[in-house]
Amino acid sequence: MVGIGGVVRYFNQVKIEMSIVTWPTRAETLRLTALVITASIVIGLTIGAVDLLFTEGFKLVIGG
C-alpha cells in the first residue's frame, strides 16, 4: 500500500512534468481538430460506400 507521502510525491512529479510539456496553440488545436473530424467523415463515408457496394453485390449474386 502506498502511503500519503507517495501520493504527494506522485502529484508533485505530475505537476513538474506538466510544466515541461509544450502545449499546442489554440490555432494548432483548432486546425488539427478540424483535420481529425474531416478525416473521420471521409473514412466513414468511404467505409459506408464500400459496405453498400458489397451489400448490393451480394444481393445480386444471391438473388435477394
PDB file of N, CA and C in Angstrom:
ATOM      1  N   MET A   1       0.851  -1.184   0.000  1.00  0.00           N
ATOM      2  CA  MET A   1       0.000   0.000   0.000  1.00  0.00           C
ATOM      3  C   MET A   1       0.889   1.237   0.000  1.00  0.00           C
ATOM      4  N   VAL A   2       0.514   2.225  -0.755  1.00  0.00           N
ATOM      5  CA  VAL A   2       1.290   3.456  -0.865  1.00  0.00           C
ATOM      6  C   VAL A   2       0.806   4.426   0.202  1.00  0.00           C
ATOM      7  N   GLY A   3       1.760   5.000   0.915  1.00  0.00           N
ATOM      8  CA  GLY A   3       1.412   5.970   1.947  1.00  0.00           C
ATOM      9  C   GLY A   3       1.085   7.325   1.345  1.00  0.00           C
ATOM     10  N   ILE A   4       0.652   8.234   2.176  1.00  0.00           N
ATOM     11  CA  ILE A   4       0.277   9.575   1.725  1.00  0.00           C
ATOM     12  C   ILE A   4       1.477  10.302   1.125  1.00  0.00           C
ATOM     13  N   GLY A   5       2.678  10.018   1.622  1.00  0.00           N
ATOM     14  CA  GLY A   5       3.884  10.649   1.082  1.00  0.00           C
ATOM     15  C   GLY A   5       4.123  10.251  -0.365  1.00  0.00           C
ATOM     16  N   GLY A   6       3.814   8.995  -0.699  1.00  0.00           N
ATOM     17  CA  GLY A   6       3.973   8.528  -2.072  1.00  0.00           C
ATOM     18  C   GLY A   6       2.989   9.204  -3.014  1.00  0.00           C
ATOM     19  N   VAL A   7       1.785   9.413  -2.527  1.00  0.00           N
ATOM     20  CA  VAL A   7       0.761  10.068  -3.340  1.00  0.00           C
ATOM     21  C   VAL A   7       1.141  11.524  -3.584  1.00  0.00           C
ATOM     22  N   VAL A   8       1.603  12.188  -2.544  1.00  0.00           N
ATOM     23  CA  VAL A   8       2.014  13.589  -2.666  1.00  0.00           C
ATOM     24  C   VAL A   8       3.193  13.704  -3.632  1.00  0.00           C
ATOM     25  N   ARG A   9       4.163  12.810  -3.500  1.00  0.00           N
ATOM     26  CA  ARG A   9       5.327  12.813  -4.385  1.00  0.00           C
ATOM     27  C   ARG A   9       4.897  12.595  -5.843  1.00  0.00           C
ATOM     28  N   TYR A  10       3.962  11.679  -6.049  1.00  0.00           N
ATOM     29  CA  TYR A  10       3.456  11.408  -7.393  1.00  0.00           C
ATOM     30  C   TYR A  10       2.847  12.678  -8.000  1.00  0.00           C
ATOM     31  N   PHE A  11       1.981  13.344  -7.268  1.00  0.00           N
ATOM     32  CA  PHE A  11       1.335  14.543  -7.811  1.00  0.00           C
ATOM     33  C   PHE A  11       2.316  15.691  -7.997  1.00  0.00           C
ATOM     34  N   ASN A  12       3.337  15.777  -7.177  1.00  0.00           N
ATOM     35  CA  ASN A  12       4.377  16.782  -7.381  1.00  0.00           C
ATOM     36  C   ASN A  12       5.133  16.502  -8.681  1.00  0.00           C
ATOM     37  N   GLN A  13       5.419  15.242  -8.955  1.00  0.00           N
ATOM     38  CA  GLN A  13       6.098  14.876 -10.196  1.00  0.00           C
ATOM     39  C   GLN A  13       5.205  15.137 -11.409  1.00  0.00           C
ATOM     40  N   VAL A  14       3.919  14.880 -11.259  1.00  0.00           N
ATOM     41  CA  VAL A  14       2.980  15.170 -12.346  1.00  0.00           C
ATOM     42  C   VAL A  14       2.978  16.665 -12.637  1.00  0.00           C
ATOM     43  N   LYS A  15       2.957  17.483 -11.615  1.00  0.00           N
ATOM     44  CA  LYS A  15       2.961  18.940 -11.774  1.00  0.00           C
ATOM     45  C   LYS A  15       4.219  19.393 -12.514  1.00  0.00           C
ATOM     46  N   ILE A  16       5.358  18.827 -12.158  1.00  0.00           N
ATOM     47  CA  ILE A  16       6.623  19.181 -12.812  1.00  0.00           C
ATOM     48  C   ILE A  16       6.581  18.772 -14.289  1.00  0.00           C
ATOM     49  N   GLU A  17       6.133  17.555 -14.573  1.00  0.00           N
ATOM     50  CA  GLU A  17       6.072  17.081 -15.960  1.00  0.00           C
ATOM     51  C   GLU A  17       5.113  17.921 -16.798  1.00  0.00           C
ATOM     52  N   MET A  18       3.993  18.295 -16.224  1.00  0.00           N
ATOM     53  CA  MET A  18       3.009  19.087 -16.960  1.00  0.00           C
ATOM     54  C   MET A  18       3.538  20.478 -17.296  1.00  0.00           C
ATOM     55  N   SER A  19       4.442  20.989 -16.474  1.00  0.00           N
ATOM     56  CA  SER A  19       5.017  22.302 -16.770  1.00  0.00           C
ATOM     57  C   SER A  19       6.070  22.213 -17.875  1.00  0.00           C
ATOM     58  N   ILE A  20       6.604  21.013 -18.117  1.00  0.00           N
ATOM     59  CA  ILE A  20       7.625  20.815 -19.145  1.00  0.00           C
ATOM     60  C   ILE A  20       6.986  20.630 -20.527  1.00  0.00           C
ATOM     61  N   VAL A  21       5.748  20.162 -20.557  1.00  0.00           N
ATOM     62  CA  VAL A  21       5.060  19.859 -21.812  1.00  0.00           C
ATOM     63  C   VAL A  21       4.932  21.114 -22.676  1.00  0.00           C
ATOM     64  N   THR A  22       5.172  20.949 -23.966  1.00  0.00           N
ATOM     65  CA  THR A  22       4.952  22.042 -24.914  1.00  0.00           C
ATOM     66  C   THR A  22       3.533  21.905 -25.445  1.00  0.00           C
ATOM     67  N   TRP A  23       2.661  22.794 -25.009  1.00  0.00           N
ATOM     68  CA  TRP A  23       1.258  22.714 -25.375  1.00  0.00           C
ATOM     69  C   TRP A  23       1.036  23.390 -26.722  1.00  0.00           C
ATOM     70  N   PRO A  24       0.130  22.851 -27.548  1.00  0.00           N
ATOM     71  CA  PRO A  24      -0.155  23.479 -28.845  1.00  0.00           C
ATOM     72  C   PRO A  24      -0.915  24.789 -28.645  1.00  0.00           C
ATOM     73  N   THR A  25      -0.794  25.666 -29.626  1.00  0.00           N
ATOM     74  CA  THR A  25      -1.543  26.919 -29.565  1.00  0.00           C
ATOM     75  C   THR A  25      -3.010  26.626 -29.864  1.00  0.00           C
ATOM     76  N   ARG A  26      -3.849  27.610 -29.610  1.00  0.00           N
ATOM     77  CA  ARG A  26      -5.281  27.449 -29.889  1.00  0.00           C
ATOM     78  C   ARG A  26      -5.504  27.208 -31.381  1.00  0.00           C
ATOM     79  N   ALA A  27      -4.769  27.947 -32.219  1.00  0.00           N
ATOM     80  CA  ALA A  27      -4.916  27.788 -33.673  1.00  0.00           C
ATOM     81  C   ALA A  27      -4.518  26.377 -34.114  1.00  0.00           C
ATOM     82  N   GLU A  28      -3.420  25.860 -33.568  1.00  0.00           N
ATOM     83  CA  GLU A  28      -2.986  24.494 -33.908  1.00  0.00           C
ATOM     84  C   GLU A  28      -4.032  23.474 -33.476  1.00  0.00           C
ATOM     85  N   THR A  29      -4.574  23.668 -32.288  1.00  0.00           N
ATOM     86  CA  THR A  29      -5.572  22.745 -31.770  1.00  0.00           C
ATOM     87  C   THR A  29      -6.811  22.739 -32.654  1.00  0.00           C
ATOM     88  N   LEU A  30      -7.285  23.918 -33.039  1.00  0.00           N
ATOM     89  CA  LEU A  30      -8.466  24.003 -33.898  1.00  0.00           C
ATOM     90  C   LEU A  30      -8.197  23.389 -35.275  1.00  0.00           C
ATOM     91  N   ARG A  31      -7.014  23.668 -35.829  1.00  0.00           N
ATOM     92  CA  ARG A  31      -6.662  23.132 -37.152  1.00  0.00           C
ATOM     93  C   ARG A  31      -6.598  21.607 -37.108  1.00  0.00           C
ATOM     94  N   LEU A  32      -5.936  21.070 -36.108  1.00  0.00           N
ATOM     95  CA  LEU A  32      -5.798  19.618 -36.017  1.00  0.00           C
ATOM     96  C   LEU A  32      -7.128  18.945 -35.688  1.00  0.00           C
ATOM     97  N   THR A  33      -7.964  19.602 -34.898  1.00  0.00           N
ATOM     98  CA  THR A  33      -9.288  19.062 -34.601  1.00  0.00           C
ATOM     99  C   THR A  33     -10.122  18.985 -35.874  1.00  0.00           C
ATOM    100  N   ALA A  34     -10.083  20.046 -36.680  1.00  0.00           N
ATOM    101  CA  ALA A  34     -10.809  20.051 -37.953  1.00  0.00           C
ATOM    102  C   ALA A  34     -10.285  18.950 -38.877  1.00  0.00           C
ATOM    103  N   LEU A  35      -8.983  18.751 -38.873  1.00  0.00           N
ATOM    104  CA  LEU A  35      -8.386  17.703 -39.699  1.00  0.00           C
ATOM    105  C   LEU A  35      -8.878  16.319 -39.272  1.00  0.00           C
ATOM    106  N   VAL A  36      -8.908  16.071 -37.982  1.00  0.00           N
ATOM    107  CA  VAL A  36      -9.358  14.771 -37.472  1.00  0.00           C
ATOM    108  C   VAL A  36     -10.834  14.549 -37.795  1.00  0.00           C
ATOM    109  N   ILE A  37     -11.655  15.574 -37.611  1.00  0.00           N
ATOM    110  CA  ILE A  37     -13.081  15.444 -37.908  1.00  0.00           C
ATOM    111  C   ILE A  37     -13.292  15.182 -39.399  1.00  0.00           C
ATOM    112  N   THR A  38     -12.600  15.932 -40.241  1.00  0.00           N
ATOM    113  CA  THR A  38     -12.715  15.756 -41.690  1.00  0.00           C
ATOM    114  C   THR A  38     -12.266  14.359 -42.105  1.00  0.00           C
ATOM    115  N   ALA A  39     -11.131  13.926 -41.599  1.00  0.00           N
ATOM    116  CA  ALA A  39     -10.628  12.588 -41.933  1.00  0.00           C
ATOM    117  C   ALA A  39     -11.606  11.511 -41.464  1.00  0.00           C
ATOM    118  N   SER A  40     -12.192  11.690 -40.291  1.00  0.00           N
ATOM    119  CA  SER A  40     -13.153  10.713 -39.772  1.00  0.00           C
ATOM    120  C   SER A  40     -14.379  10.629 -40.663  1.00  0.00           C
ATOM    121  N   ILE A  41     -14.865  11.778 -41.121  1.00  0.00           N
ATOM    122  CA  ILE A  41     -16.033  11.793 -42.002  1.00  0.00           C
ATOM    123  C   ILE A  41     -15.703  11.125 -43.333  1.00  0.00           C
ATOM    124  N   VAL A  42     -14.559  11.460 -43.915  1.00  0.00           N
ATOM    125  CA  VAL A  42     -14.169  10.876 -45.208  1.00  0.00           C
ATOM    126  C   VAL A  42     -14.009   9.366 -45.084  1.00  0.00           C
ATOM    127  N   ILE A  43     -13.343   8.914 -44.055  1.00  0.00           N
ATOM    128  CA  ILE A  43     -13.142   7.476 -43.864  1.00  0.00           C
ATOM    129  C   ILE A  43     -14.474   6.781 -43.611  1.00  0.00           C
ATOM    130  N   GLY A  44     -15.327   7.403 -42.797  1.00  0.00           N
ATOM    131  CA  GLY A  44     -16.649   6.825 -42.536  1.00  0.00           C
ATOM    132  C   GLY A  44     -17.479   6.696 -43.799  1.00  0.00           C
ATOM    133  N   LEU A  45     -17.477   7.741 -44.627  1.00  0.00           N
ATOM    134  CA  LEU A  45     -18.223   7.684 -45.893  1.00  0.00           C
ATOM    135  C   LEU A  45     -17.648   6.635 -46.834  1.00  0.00           C
ATOM    136  N   THR A  46     -16.319   6.520 -46.859  1.00  0.00           N
ATOM    137  CA  THR A  46     -15.674   5.523 -47.714  1.00  0.00           C
ATOM    138  C   THR A  46     -16.051   4.110 -47.273  1.00  0.00           C
ATOM    139  N   ILE A  47     -15.977   3.850 -45.993  1.00  0.00           N
ATOM    140  CA  ILE A  47     -16.339   2.521 -45.477  1.00  0.00           C
ATOM    141  C   ILE A  47     -17.818   2.250 -45.744  1.00  0.00           C
ATOM    142  N   GLY A  48     -18.662   3.270 -45.555  1.00  0.00           N
ATOM    143  CA  GLY A  48     -20.091   3.101 -45.829  1.00  0.00           C
ATOM    144  C   GLY A  48     -20.356   2.789 -47.288  1.00  0.00           C
ATOM    145  N   ALA A  49     -19.655   3.468 -48.195  1.00  0.00           N
ATOM    146  CA  ALA A  49     -19.834   3.222 -49.626  1.00  0.00           C
ATOM    147  C   ALA A  49     -19.382   1.815 -50.001  1.00  0.00           C
ATOM    148  N   VAL A  50     -18.241   1.394 -49.476  1.00  0.00           N
ATOM    149  CA  VAL A  50     -17.748   0.036 -49.763  1.00  0.00           C
ATOM    150  C   VAL A  50     -18.732  -1.000 -49.213  1.00  0.00           C
ATOM    151  N   ASP A  51     -19.248  -0.766 -48.022  1.00  0.00           N
ATOM    152  CA  ASP A  51     -20.227  -1.671 -47.426  1.00  0.00           C
ATOM    153  C   ASP A  51     -21.480  -1.747 -48.293  1.00  0.00           C
ATOM    154  N   LEU A  52     -21.955  -0.596 -48.767  1.00  0.00           N
ATOM    155  CA  LEU A  52     -23.134  -0.573 -49.630  1.00  0.00           C
ATOM    156  C   LEU A  52     -22.880  -1.341 -50.923  1.00  0.00           C
ATOM    157  N   LEU A  53     -21.702  -1.152 -51.513  1.00  0.00           N
ATOM    158  CA  LEU A  53     -21.367  -1.879 -52.742  1.00  0.00           C
ATOM    159  C   LEU A  53     -21.339  -3.388 -52.516  1.00  0.00           C
ATOM    160  N   PHE A  54     -20.737  -3.817 -51.430  1.00  0.00           N
ATOM    161  CA  PHE A  54     -20.700  -5.247 -51.125  1.00  0.00           C
ATOM    162  C   PHE A  54     -22.104  -5.784 -50.866  1.00  0.00           C
ATOM    163  N   THR A  55     -22.905  -5.035 -50.133  1.00  0.00           N
ATOM    164  CA  THR A  55     -24.268  -5.476 -49.829  1.00  0.00           C
ATOM    165  C   THR A  55     -25.072  -5.646 -51.110  1.00  0.00           C
ATOM    166  N   GLU A  56     -25.021  -4.646 -51.971  1.00  0.00           N
ATOM    167  CA  GLU A  56     -25.761  -4.720 -53.225  1.00  0.00           C
ATOM    168  C   GLU A  56     -25.194  -5.809 -54.144  1.00  0.00           C
ATOM    169  N   GLY A  57     -23.879  -5.951 -54.134  1.00  0.00           N
ATOM    170  CA  GLY A  57     -23.247  -7.009 -54.930  1.00  0.00           C
ATOM    171  C   GLY A  57     -23.691  -8.391 -54.487  1.00  0.00           C
ATOM    172  N   PHE A  58     -23.713  -8.625 -53.178  1.00  0.00           N
ATOM    173  CA  PHE A  58     -24.145  -9.923 -52.667  1.00  0.00           C
ATOM    174  C   PHE A  58     -25.627 -10.153 -52.947  1.00  0.00           C
ATOM    175  N   LYS A  59     -26.424  -9.093 -52.894  1.00  0.00           N
ATOM    176  CA  LYS A  59     -27.846  -9.238 -53.221  1.00  0.00           C
ATOM    177  C   LYS A  59     -28.009  -9.711 -54.672  1.00  0.00           C
ATOM    178  N   LEU A  60     -27.212  -9.167 -55.578  1.00  0.00           N
ATOM    179  CA  LEU A  60     -27.277  -9.575 -56.978  1.00  0.00           C
ATOM    180  C   LEU A  60     -26.839 -11.032 -57.149  1.00  0.00           C
ATOM    181  N   VAL A  61     -25.762 -11.422 -56.449  1.00  0.00           N
ATOM    182  CA  VAL A  61     -25.233 -12.774 -56.572  1.00  0.00           C
ATOM    183  C   VAL A  61     -26.186 -13.779 -55.950  1.00  0.00           C
ATOM    184  N   ILE A  62     -26.689 -13.469 -54.777  1.00  0.00           N
ATOM    185  CA  ILE A  62     -27.551 -14.406 -54.046  1.00  0.00           C
ATOM    186  C   ILE A  62     -28.966 -14.359 -54.582  1.00  0.00           C
ATOM    187  N   GLY A  63     -29.367 -13.209 -55.102  1.00  0.00           N
ATOM    188  CA  GLY A  63     -30.712 -13.071 -55.638  1.00  0.00           C
ATOM    189  C   GLY A  63     -31.714 -12.618 -54.600  1.00  0.00           C
ATOM    190  N   GLY A  64     -31.233 -11.885 -53.604  1.00  0.00           N
ATOM    191  CA  GLY A  64     -32.117 -11.478 -52.512  1.00  0.00           C
ATOM    192  C   GLY A  64     -32.764 -10.193 -52.660  1.00  0.00           C
TER     193      GLY A  64
END
